[in-house]
Amino acid sequence: MSAKKFAILVIPEGSHRVRRFSVQRSLLNWVACGMVLVLLGLSALVFDYVRTNLDQSEFARLQVENREQRDEMRRLVVRLEDLRKEMVVLAQNDAKVRVMAKLSRPKGDSLSGVGGPGSDDLPQEYSDIQRRIDDLRHQIDLQRESQEEIQGFLNDQRSLLAAKPSGYPVKGWTTSSFGMRRDPFNGRRKMHEGYDIAARTGTPVTATADGIVSQSKAVPGYGKMVVIDHGYGYRTYYGHNSKNYVKVGQRVKRGERIAAVGNTGRSTGSHVHYEVRMNGVPVNPKKFF
């Protein structure tokens, strides 16, 4: 059987008198329960205090991070607007080049406007920024396609200019031009399909345009002759040479020496017979001087 009371002995230091107290067991139980409750309450207060401080610190950190994101978002909006303006300038320049080159408009409208001043409504601005990014990507793709088309056109024009005969093949003086004339050997009227340019034997003969040598040999009437295929339908003929310096299949540049002036073939003196043919038809070389 458990005791209902507890005796507490108190012995003061240096004293022989002992004090004795009796305490009900129920009172001790209540005191123990009270202490437990107090400890639990203190623990709850401490936990709540720590949690509150942590929440405040996290809230402060999130506020700082949010401000930084808002600032970065605004800077991004400004950069996007700058990019948009640059794209508009590029599109305008593209349009000018197309007008000068007589090219049609690009497939897409590279001048379509995007963007605008920044908004303070950031939640809505997030989707607006994504839309601007998508628009810029689309504009960049259109601009790239347009630039590739222009580049291809300019390359073709550059190739055409390099292939189009220009200037005289030799330094000398014209003794016979393109058109009807009397044959110097029999006196009959006959079509002269080129220019005869007199010069001293051995004077360098140069190509009047870029191309590939398609013929380099002696031909009846023309003597030693060089024929160059320039592409785009152009071919040039250089006859009566004393010597040919190029071989068939050789690629030559405008101004490159290909032969030397001579008097070979059906000729009355040292000169170059120069022809320009377009799609096989002789044309007046004067148009290309």
C-alpha atoms as a PDB file:
ATOM      1  CA  MET A   1       0.000   0.000   0.000  1.00  0.00           C
ATOM      2  CA  SER A   2       1.501   3.296  -1.074  1.00  0.00           C
ATOM      3  CA  ALA A   3       2.031   6.119   1.429  1.00  0.00           C
ATOM      4  CA  LYS A   4      -0.321   9.117   1.404  1.00  0.00           C
ATOM      5  CA  LYS A   5       2.258  11.480   2.943  1.00  0.00           C
ATOM      6  CA  PHE A   6       5.946  12.138   2.456  1.00  0.00           C
ATOM      7  CA  ALA A   7       8.307  13.398   5.148  1.00  0.00           C
ATOM      8  CA  ILE A   8      10.892  16.000   4.204  1.00  0.00           C
ATOM      9  CA  LEU A   9      13.884  16.434   6.533  1.00  0.00           C
ATOM     10  CA  VAL A  10      15.811  19.722   6.519  1.00  0.00           C
ATOM     11  CA  ILE A  11      19.219  19.737   8.268  1.00  0.00           C
ATOM     12  CA  PRO A  12      20.736  23.261   8.375  1.00  0.00           C
ATOM     13  CA  GLU A  13      24.555  23.442   8.106  1.00  0.00           C
ATOM     14  CA  GLY A  14      26.302  23.727  11.464  1.00  0.00           C
ATOM     15  CA  SER A  15      23.118  22.998  13.403  1.00  0.00           C
ATOM     16  CA  HIS A  16      22.066  19.871  15.227  1.00  0.00           C
ATOM     17  CA  ARG A  17      18.405  20.671  14.973  1.00  0.00           C
ATOM     18  CA  VAL A  18      16.579  18.807  12.253  1.00  0.00           C
ATOM     19  CA  ARG A  19      13.348  20.160  10.835  1.00  0.00           C
ATOM     20  CA  ARG A  20      10.750  17.764   9.601  1.00  0.00           C
ATOM     21  CA  PHE A  21       7.896  18.574   7.167  1.00  0.00           C
ATOM     22  CA  SER A  22       5.057  16.385   6.029  1.00  0.00           C
ATOM     23  CA  VAL A  23       3.701  16.800   2.478  1.00  0.00           C
ATOM     24  CA  GLN A  24       0.631  15.183   0.999  1.00  0.00           C
ATOM     25  CA  ARG A  25       1.331  12.972  -2.010  1.00  0.00           C
ATOM     26  CA  SER A  26      -1.484  14.594  -3.978  1.00  0.00           C
ATOM     27  CA  LEU A  27       0.183  18.000  -3.522  1.00  0.00           C
ATOM     28  CA  LEU A  28       3.433  16.685  -4.945  1.00  0.00           C
ATOM     29  CA  ASN A  29       1.561  15.291  -7.901  1.00  0.00           C
ATOM     30  CA  TRP A  30      -0.027  18.676  -8.573  1.00  0.00           C
ATOM     31  CA  VAL A  31       3.346  20.413  -8.251  1.00  0.00           C
ATOM     32  CA  ALA A  32       4.937  17.937 -10.679  1.00  0.00           C
ATOM     33  CA  CYS A  33       2.114  18.424 -13.156  1.00  0.00           C
ATOM     34  CA  GLY A  34       2.434  22.175 -12.828  1.00  0.00           C
ATOM     35  CA  MET A  35       6.161  22.052 -13.487  1.00  0.00           C
ATOM     36  CA  VAL A  36       5.602  19.888 -16.540  1.00  0.00           C
ATOM     37  CA  LEU A  37       3.020  22.317 -17.850  1.00  0.00           C
ATOM     38  CA  VAL A  38       5.338  25.259 -17.188  1.00  0.00           C
ATOM     39  CA  LEU A  39       8.172  23.511 -19.039  1.00  0.00           C
ATOM     40  CA  LEU A  40       5.876  22.696 -21.923  1.00  0.00           C
ATOM     41  CA  GLY A  41       4.687  26.296 -22.053  1.00  0.00           C
ATOM     42  CA  LEU A  42       8.229  27.633 -21.966  1.00  0.00           C
ATOM     43  CA  SER A  43       9.235  25.209 -24.698  1.00  0.00           C
ATOM     44  CA  ALA A  44       6.305  26.309 -26.829  1.00  0.00           C
ATOM     45  CA  LEU A  45       7.208  29.965 -26.301  1.00  0.00           C
ATOM     46  CA  VAL A  46      10.840  29.341 -27.167  1.00  0.00           C
ATOM     47  CA  PHE A  47       9.874  27.357 -30.302  1.00  0.00           C
ATOM     48  CA  ASP A  48       7.417  30.030 -31.392  1.00  0.00           C
ATOM     49  CA  TYR A  49      10.021  32.741 -30.807  1.00  0.00           C
ATOM     50  CA  VAL A  50      12.656  30.912 -32.829  1.00  0.00           C
ATOM     51  CA  ARG A  51      10.169  30.117 -35.588  1.00  0.00           C
ATOM     52  CA  THR A  52       9.003  33.731 -35.725  1.00  0.00           C
ATOM     53  CA  ASN A  53      12.578  34.965 -36.026  1.00  0.00           C
ATOM     54  CA  LEU A  54      13.289  32.436 -38.764  1.00  0.00           C
ATOM     55  CA  ASP A  55      10.118  33.393 -40.624  1.00  0.00           C
ATOM     56  CA  GLN A  56      10.999  37.064 -40.385  1.00  0.00           C
ATOM     57  CA  SER A  57      14.514  36.401 -41.657  1.00  0.00           C
ATOM     58  CA  GLU A  58      13.167  34.318 -44.547  1.00  0.00           C
ATOM     59  CA  PHE A  59      10.552  36.971 -45.285  1.00  0.00           C
ATOM     60  CA  ALA A  60      13.226  39.673 -45.320  1.00  0.00           C
ATOM     61  CA  ARG A  61      15.388  37.535 -47.616  1.00  0.00           C
ATOM     62  CA  LEU A  62      12.468  36.930 -49.958  1.00  0.00           C
ATOM     63  CA  GLN A  63      11.682  40.643 -50.002  1.00  0.00           C
ATOM     64  CA  VAL A  64      15.270  41.441 -50.984  1.00  0.00           C
ATOM     65  CA  GLU A  65      15.248  38.698 -53.618  1.00  0.00           C
ATOM     66  CA  ASN A  66      11.914  39.931 -54.963  1.00  0.00           C
ATOM     67  CA  ARG A  67      13.244  43.490 -55.247  1.00  0.00           C
ATOM     68  CA  GLU A  68      16.306  42.219 -57.068  1.00  0.00           C
ATOM     69  CA  GLN A  69      14.135  40.218 -59.455  1.00  0.00           C
ATOM     70  CA  ARG A  70      11.917  43.226 -60.105  1.00  0.00           C
ATOM     71  CA  ASP A  71      14.981  45.371 -60.817  1.00  0.00           C
ATOM     72  CA  GLU A  72      16.431  42.683 -63.099  1.00  0.00           C
ATOM     73  CA  MET A  73      13.079  42.368 -64.841  1.00  0.00           C
ATOM     74  CA  ARG A  74      12.996  46.105 -65.503  1.00  0.00           C
ATOM     75  CA  ARG A  75      16.558  46.003 -66.841  1.00  0.00           C
ATOM     76  CA  LEU A  76      15.549  43.108 -69.089  1.00  0.00           C
ATOM     77  CA  VAL A  77      12.601  45.116 -70.395  1.00  0.00           C
ATOM     78  CA  VAL A  78      14.952  48.010 -71.226  1.00  0.00           C
ATOM     79  CA  ARG A  79      17.384  45.688 -73.022  1.00  0.00           C
ATOM     80  CA  LEU A  80      14.556  44.089 -74.976  1.00  0.00           C
ATOM     81  CA  GLU A  81      13.367  47.514 -76.051  1.00  0.00           C
ATOM     82  CA  ASP A  82      16.905  48.426 -77.174  1.00  0.00           C
ATOM     83  CA  LEU A  83      17.106  45.179 -79.152  1.00  0.00           C
ATOM     84  CA  ARG A  84      13.746  45.905 -80.724  1.00  0.00           C
ATOM     85  CA  LYS A  85      14.974  49.329 -81.877  1.00  0.00           C
ATOM     86  CA  GLU A  86      18.126  47.774 -83.326  1.00  0.00           C
ATOM     87  CA  MET A  87      16.024  45.199 -85.169  1.00  0.00           C
ATOM     88  CA  VAL A  88      13.880  47.993 -86.640  1.00  0.00           C
ATOM     89  CA  VAL A  89      17.018  49.794 -87.882  1.00  0.00           C
ATOM     90  CA  LEU A  90      18.342  46.542 -89.388  1.00  0.00           C
ATOM     91  CA  ALA A  91      15.008  45.916 -91.075  1.00  0.00           C
ATOM     92  CA  GLN A  92      14.993  49.442 -92.514  1.00  0.00           C
ATOM     93  CA  ASN A  93      18.518  48.994 -93.861  1.00  0.00           C
ATOM     94  CA  ASP A  94      17.489  45.634 -95.248  1.00  0.00           C
ATOM     95  CA  ALA A  95      14.575  47.275 -97.060  1.00  0.00           C
ATOM     96  CA  LYS A  96      16.877  49.959 -98.537  1.00  0.00           C
ATOM     97  CA  VAL A  97      19.306  47.328 -99.818  1.00  0.00           C
ATOM     98  CA  ARG A  98      16.408  45.412-101.364  1.00  0.00           C
ATOM     99  CA  VAL A  99      15.167  48.548-103.131  1.00  0.00           C
ATOM    100  CA  MET A 100      18.643  49.275-104.526  1.00  0.00           C
ATOM    101  CA  ALA A 101      19.084  45.636-105.575  1.00  0.00           C
ATOM    102  CA  LYS A 102      15.525  45.516-106.992  1.00  0.00           C
ATOM    103  CA  LEU A 103      14.646  42.558-104.788  1.00  0.00           C
ATOM    104  CA  SER A 104      11.123  41.752-103.643  1.00  0.00           C
ATOM    105  CA  ARG A 105      10.065  42.169-100.031  1.00  0.00           C
ATOM    106  CA  PRO A 106      11.051  39.372 -97.631  1.00  0.00           C
ATOM    107  CA  LYS A 107       8.516  36.653 -96.840  1.00  0.00           C
ATOM    108  CA  GLY A 108       7.718  38.002 -93.360  1.00  0.00           C
ATOM    109  CA  ASP A 109       7.150  41.546 -92.208  1.00  0.00           C
ATOM    110  CA  SER A 110      10.466  42.300 -90.528  1.00  0.00           C
ATOM    111  CA  LEU A 111       9.274  45.785 -89.630  1.00  0.00           C
ATOM    112  CA  SER A 112       6.449  44.662 -87.337  1.00  0.00           C
ATOM    113  CA  GLY A 113       6.573  46.531 -84.031  1.00  0.00           C
ATOM    114  CA  VAL A 114       7.064  44.818 -80.705  1.00  0.00           C
ATOM    115  CA  GLY A 115       7.619  46.031 -77.178  1.00  0.00           C
ATOM    116  CA  GLY A 116       6.924  49.408 -75.642  1.00  0.00           C
ATOM    117  CA  PRO A 117       7.602  51.170 -72.342  1.00  0.00           C
ATOM    118  CA  GLY A 118       7.945  49.041 -69.205  1.00  0.00           C
ATOM    119  CA  SER A 119       4.955  48.354 -66.992  1.00  0.00           C
ATOM    120  CA  ASP A 120       4.726  48.344 -63.193  1.00  0.00           C
ATOM    121  CA  ASP A 121       2.356  45.387 -63.311  1.00  0.00           C
ATOM    122  CA  LEU A 122       5.083  42.752 -62.991  1.00  0.00           C
ATOM    123  CA  PRO A 123       2.885  39.618 -62.885  1.00  0.00           C
ATOM    124  CA  GLN A 124       1.435  40.610 -66.245  1.00  0.00           C
ATOM    125  CA  GLU A 125       4.839  41.782 -67.400  1.00  0.00           C
ATOM    126  CA  TYR A 126       6.295  38.288 -67.072  1.00  0.00           C
ATOM    127  CA  SER A 127       4.076  36.996 -69.868  1.00  0.00           C
ATOM    128  CA  ASP A 128       4.607  40.237 -71.812  1.00  0.00           C
ATOM    129  CA  ILE A 129       8.373  39.790 -71.672  1.00  0.00           C
ATOM    130  CA  GLN A 130       8.063  36.214 -72.915  1.00  0.00           C
ATOM    131  CA  ARG A 131       5.944  37.490 -75.782  1.00  0.00           C
ATOM    132  CA  ARG A 132       8.576  40.099 -76.623  1.00  0.00           C
ATOM    133  CA  ILE A 133      11.306  37.468 -76.562  1.00  0.00           C
ATOM    134  CA  ASP A 134       9.288  35.256 -78.901  1.00  0.00           C
ATOM    135  CA  ASP A 135       8.663  38.215 -81.214  1.00  0.00           C
ATOM    136  CA  LEU A 136      12.366  39.080 -81.279  1.00  0.00           C
ATOM    137  CA  ARG A 137      13.282  35.481 -82.058  1.00  0.00           C
ATOM    138  CA  HIS A 138      10.815  35.555 -84.942  1.00  0.00           C
ATOM    139  CA  GLN A 139      12.237  38.857 -86.199  1.00  0.00           C
ATOM    140  CA  ILE A 140      15.789  37.485 -85.962  1.00  0.00           C
ATOM    141  CA  ASP A 141      14.804  34.419 -87.993  1.00  0.00           C
ATOM    142  CA  LEU A 142      13.189  36.615 -90.654  1.00  0.00           C
ATOM    143  CA  GLN A 143      16.196  38.914 -90.706  1.00  0.00           C
ATOM    144  CA  ARG A 144      18.558  35.963 -91.063  1.00  0.00           C
ATOM    145  CA  GLU A 145      16.582  34.600 -94.008  1.00  0.00           C
ATOM    146  CA  SER A 146      16.527  38.023 -95.647  1.00  0.00           C
ATOM    147  CA  GLN A 147      20.272  38.511 -95.144  1.00  0.00           C
ATOM    148  CA  GLU A 148      20.978  35.087 -96.624  1.00  0.00           C
ATOM    149  CA  GLU A 149      18.860  35.968 -99.651  1.00  0.00           C
ATOM    150  CA  ILE A 150      20.620  39.322-100.088  1.00  0.00           C
ATOM    151  CA  GLN A 151      24.023  37.685 -99.604  1.00  0.00           C
ATOM    152  CA  GLY A 152      23.185  35.113-102.254  1.00  0.00           C
ATOM    153  CA  PHE A 153      22.068  37.859-104.633  1.00  0.00           C
ATOM    154  CA  LEU A 154      25.227  39.913-104.010  1.00  0.00           C
ATOM    155  CA  ASN A 155      27.400  36.832-104.540  1.00  0.00           C
ATOM    156  CA  ASP A 156      25.643  36.234-107.854  1.00  0.00           C
ATOM    157  CA  GLN A 157      26.124  39.883-108.817  1.00  0.00           C
ATOM    158  CA  ARG A 158      29.784  39.724-107.834  1.00  0.00           C
ATOM    159  CA  SER A 159      30.222  36.577-109.910  1.00  0.00           C
ATOM    160  CA  LEU A 160      28.369  38.199-112.814  1.00  0.00           C
ATOM    161  CA  LEU A 161      30.551  41.315-112.663  1.00  0.00           C
ATOM    162  CA  ALA A 162      33.683  39.162-112.540  1.00  0.00           C
ATOM    163  CA  ALA A 163      32.412  37.146-115.516  1.00  0.00           C
ATOM    164  CA  LYS A 164      31.323  40.097-117.635  1.00  0.00           C
ATOM    165  CA  PRO A 165      34.078  41.174-120.088  1.00  0.00           C
ATOM    166  CA  SER A 166      35.448  44.633-119.450  1.00  0.00           C
ATOM    167  CA  GLY A 167      38.170  46.666-121.104  1.00  0.00           C
ATOM    168  CA  TYR A 168      40.700  45.896-123.840  1.00  0.00           C
ATOM    169  CA  PRO A 169      42.701  42.669-123.965  1.00  0.00           C
ATOM    170  CA  VAL A 170      45.844  44.452-125.146  1.00  0.00           C
ATOM    171  CA  LYS A 171      47.342  47.922-125.283  1.00  0.00           C
ATOM    172  CA  GLY A 172      47.296  49.023-128.903  1.00  0.00           C
ATOM    173  CA  TRP A 173      45.191  50.716-131.531  1.00  0.00           C
ATOM    174  CA  THR A 174      42.031  49.553-133.268  1.00  0.00           C
ATOM    175  CA  THR A 175      42.550  48.705-136.946  1.00  0.00           C
ATOM    176  CA  SER A 176      39.149  47.155-137.614  1.00  0.00           C
ATOM    177  CA  SER A 177      35.906  47.296-135.636  1.00  0.00           C
ATOM    178  CA  PHE A 178      32.801  45.116-135.345  1.00  0.00           C
ATOM    179  CA  GLY A 179      30.453  45.011-138.356  1.00  0.00           C
ATOM    180  CA  MET A 180      30.454  44.704-142.118  1.00  0.00           C
ATOM    181  CA  ARG A 181      33.791  45.393-143.848  1.00  0.00           C
ATOM    182  CA  ARG A 182      35.782  44.509-146.949  1.00  0.00           C
ATOM    183  CA  ASP A 183      37.869  41.392-146.557  1.00  0.00           C
ATOM    184  CA  PRO A 184      41.550  42.457-146.622  1.00  0.00           C
ATOM    185  CA  PHE A 185      42.436  39.424-148.765  1.00  0.00           C
ATOM    186  CA  ASN A 186      39.694  39.309-151.427  1.00  0.00           C
ATOM    187  CA  GLY A 187      37.937  42.666-151.083  1.00  0.00           C
ATOM    188  CA  ARG A 188      34.479  41.146-150.576  1.00  0.00           C
ATOM    189  CA  ARG A 189      32.121  42.581-148.000  1.00  0.00           C
ATOM    190  CA  LYS A 190      31.951  40.317-145.004  1.00  0.00           C
ATOM    191  CA  MET A 191      30.822  40.468-141.387  1.00  0.00           C
ATOM    192  CA  HIS A 192      33.705  41.099-138.985  1.00  0.00           C
ATOM    193  CA  GLU A 193      32.622  39.587-135.658  1.00  0.00           C
ATOM    194  CA  GLY A 194      35.180  41.247-133.410  1.00  0.00           C
ATOM    195  CA  TYR A 195      37.769  43.983-132.971  1.00  0.00           C
ATOM    196  CA  ASP A 196      41.281  43.932-134.439  1.00  0.00           C
ATOM    197  CA  ILE A 197      43.719  45.634-132.093  1.00  0.00           C
ATOM    198  CA  ALA A 198      47.234  46.153-133.451  1.00  0.00           C
ATOM    199  CA  ALA A 199      50.281  45.913-131.193  1.00  0.00           C
ATOM    200  CA  ARG A 200      53.899  44.792-131.359  1.00  0.00           C
ATOM    201  CA  THR A 201      54.519  41.066-131.541  1.00  0.00           C
ATOM    202  CA  GLY A 202      55.000  39.668-128.045  1.00  0.00           C
ATOM    203  CA  THR A 203      52.860  42.316-126.337  1.00  0.00           C
ATOM    204  CA  PRO A 204      50.949  40.606-123.472  1.00  0.00           C
ATOM    205  CA  VAL A 205      47.314  39.703-124.128  1.00  0.00           C
ATOM    206  CA  THR A 206      45.198  39.627-120.949  1.00  0.00           C
ATOM    207  CA  ALA A 207      41.835  38.118-120.050  1.00  0.00           C
ATOM    208  CA  THR A 208      39.037  40.668-119.923  1.00  0.00           C
ATOM    209  CA  ALA A 209      37.085  38.739-117.252  1.00  0.00           C
ATOM    210  CA  ASP A 210      37.356  35.779-114.888  1.00  0.00           C
ATOM    211  CA  GLY A 211      36.735  32.390-116.422  1.00  0.00           C
ATOM    212  CA  ILE A 212      38.002  28.978-117.466  1.00  0.00           C
ATOM    213  CA  VAL A 213      40.040  28.344-120.606  1.00  0.00           C
ATOM    214  CA  SER A 214      37.925  26.213-122.927  1.00  0.00           C
ATOM    215  CA  GLN A 215      40.286  26.286-125.914  1.00  0.00           C
ATOM    216  CA  SER A 216      43.979  26.978-126.464  1.00  0.00           C
ATOM    217  CA  LYS A 217      45.239  25.833-129.849  1.00  0.00           C
ATOM    218  CA  ALA A 218      45.754  26.776-133.470  1.00  0.00           C
ATOM    219  CA  VAL A 219      42.491  27.252-135.379  1.00  0.00           C
ATOM    220  CA  PRO A 220      42.227  27.709-139.153  1.00  0.00           C
ATOM    221  CA  GLY A 221      41.917  31.392-139.966  1.00  0.00           C
ATOM    222  CA  TYR A 222      42.400  32.480-136.353  1.00  0.00           C
ATOM    223  CA  GLY A 223      45.908  31.090-135.919  1.00  0.00           C
ATOM    224  CA  LYS A 224      46.863  30.432-132.318  1.00  0.00           C
ATOM    225  CA  MET A 225      43.739  31.242-130.337  1.00  0.00           C
ATOM    226  CA  VAL A 226      42.548  31.240-126.733  1.00  0.00           C
ATOM    227  CA  VAL A 227      38.852  30.933-125.830  1.00  0.00           C
ATOM    228  CA  ILE A 228      37.677  31.648-122.287  1.00  0.00           C
ATOM    229  CA  ASP A 229      34.295  30.610-120.891  1.00  0.00           C
ATOM    230  CA  HIS A 230      33.230  33.172-118.285  1.00  0.00           C
ATOM    231  CA  GLY A 231      29.854  31.711-117.418  1.00  0.00           C
ATOM    232  CA  TYR A 232      26.512  33.515-117.598  1.00  0.00           C
ATOM    233  CA  GLY A 233      26.637  32.916-121.377  1.00  0.00           C
ATOM    234  CA  TYR A 234      29.818  34.999-121.928  1.00  0.00           C
ATOM    235  CA  ARG A 235      32.792  33.770-123.968  1.00  0.00           C
ATOM    236  CA  THR A 236      35.773  35.748-125.268  1.00  0.00           C
ATOM    237  CA  TYR A 237      38.073  34.871-128.190  1.00  0.00           C
ATOM    238  CA  TYR A 238      41.683  35.994-128.636  1.00  0.00           C
ATOM    239  CA  GLY A 239      43.162  35.135-132.068  1.00  0.00           C
ATOM    240  CA  HIS A 240      46.384  35.425-134.142  1.00  0.00           C
ATOM    241  CA  ASN A 241      48.593  35.028-131.053  1.00  0.00           C
ATOM    242  CA  SER A 242      52.295  34.325-131.361  1.00  0.00           C
ATOM    243  CA  LYS A 243      52.124  32.193-128.228  1.00  0.00           C
ATOM    244  CA  ASN A 244      49.458  30.912-125.836  1.00  0.00           C
ATOM    245  CA  TYR A 245      50.359  30.841-122.134  1.00  0.00           C
ATOM    246  CA  VAL A 246      47.301  28.993-120.796  1.00  0.00           C
ATOM    247  CA  LYS A 247      45.946  25.462-121.031  1.00  0.00           C
ATOM    248  CA  VAL A 248      42.432  24.090-121.370  1.00  0.00           C
ATOM    249  CA  GLY A 249      40.692  23.875-117.987  1.00  0.00           C
ATOM    250  CA  GLN A 250      42.900  26.530-116.421  1.00  0.00           C
ATOM    251  CA  ARG A 251      41.093  29.146-114.338  1.00  0.00           C
ATOM    252  CA  VAL A 252      42.121  32.727-115.094  1.00  0.00           C
ATOM    253  CA  LYS A 253      41.390  36.127-113.586  1.00  0.00           C
ATOM    254  CA  ARG A 254      40.645  39.416-115.268  1.00  0.00           C
ATOM    255  CA  GLY A 255      43.933  41.084-116.232  1.00  0.00           C
ATOM    256  CA  GLU A 256      45.917  37.830-116.197  1.00  0.00           C
ATOM    257  CA  ARG A 257      48.290  37.263-119.127  1.00  0.00           C
ATOM    258  CA  ILE A 258      46.974  34.496-121.386  1.00  0.00           C
ATOM    259  CA  ALA A 259      48.873  34.995-124.668  1.00  0.00           C
ATOM    260  CA  ALA A 260      51.245  37.204-126.669  1.00  0.00           C
ATOM    261  CA  VAL A 261      50.350  39.316-129.704  1.00  0.00           C
ATOM    262  CA  GLY A 262      51.279  37.688-132.985  1.00  0.00           C
ATOM    263  CA  ASN A 263      50.564  37.354-136.679  1.00  0.00           C
ATOM    264  CA  THR A 264      49.499  33.719-136.962  1.00  0.00           C
ATOM    265  CA  GLY A 265      46.605  32.456-139.090  1.00  0.00           C
ATOM    266  CA  ARG A 266      44.845  34.601-141.689  1.00  0.00           C
ATOM    267  CA  SER A 267      46.389  37.929-140.755  1.00  0.00           C
ATOM    268  CA  THR A 268      48.017  40.894-142.499  1.00  0.00           C
ATOM    269  CA  GLY A 269      50.054  42.048-139.496  1.00  0.00           C
ATOM    270  CA  SER A 270      50.717  41.755-135.793  1.00  0.00           C
ATOM    271  CA  HIS A 271      47.442  42.208-133.940  1.00  0.00           C
ATOM    272  CA  VAL A 272      44.811  40.520-131.727  1.00  0.00           C
ATOM    273  CA  HIS A 273      41.439  39.560-133.082  1.00  0.00           C
ATOM    274  CA  TYR A 274      39.117  39.956-130.049  1.00  0.00           C
ATOM    275  CA  GLU A 275      35.550  38.649-129.944  1.00  0.00           C
ATOM    276  CA  VAL A 276      32.833  38.637-127.307  1.00  0.00           C
ATOM    277  CA  ARG A 277      30.013  36.132-127.671  1.00  0.00           C
ATOM    278  CA  MET A 278      26.844  35.976-125.647  1.00  0.00           C
ATOM    279  CA  ASN A 279      25.145  32.566-125.710  1.00  0.00           C
ATOM    280  CA  GLY A 280      27.138  31.793-128.846  1.00  0.00           C
ATOM    281  CA  VAL A 281      26.136  34.982-130.675  1.00  0.00           C
ATOM    282  CA  PRO A 282      28.900  37.539-131.467  1.00  0.00           C
ATOM    283  CA  VAL A 283      28.226  40.962-129.931  1.00  0.00           C
ATOM    284  CA  ASN A 284      30.024  44.249-130.397  1.00  0.00           C
ATOM    285  CA  PRO A 285      33.013  44.319-127.994  1.00  0.00           C
ATOM    286  CA  LYS A 286      32.674  48.111-127.903  1.00  0.00           C
ATOM    287  CA  LYS A 287      29.828  47.638-125.391  1.00  0.00           C
ATOM    288  CA  PHE A 288      32.329  46.229-122.919  1.00  0.00           C
ATOM    289  CA  PHE A 289      35.205  48.694-123.377  1.00  0.00           C
END
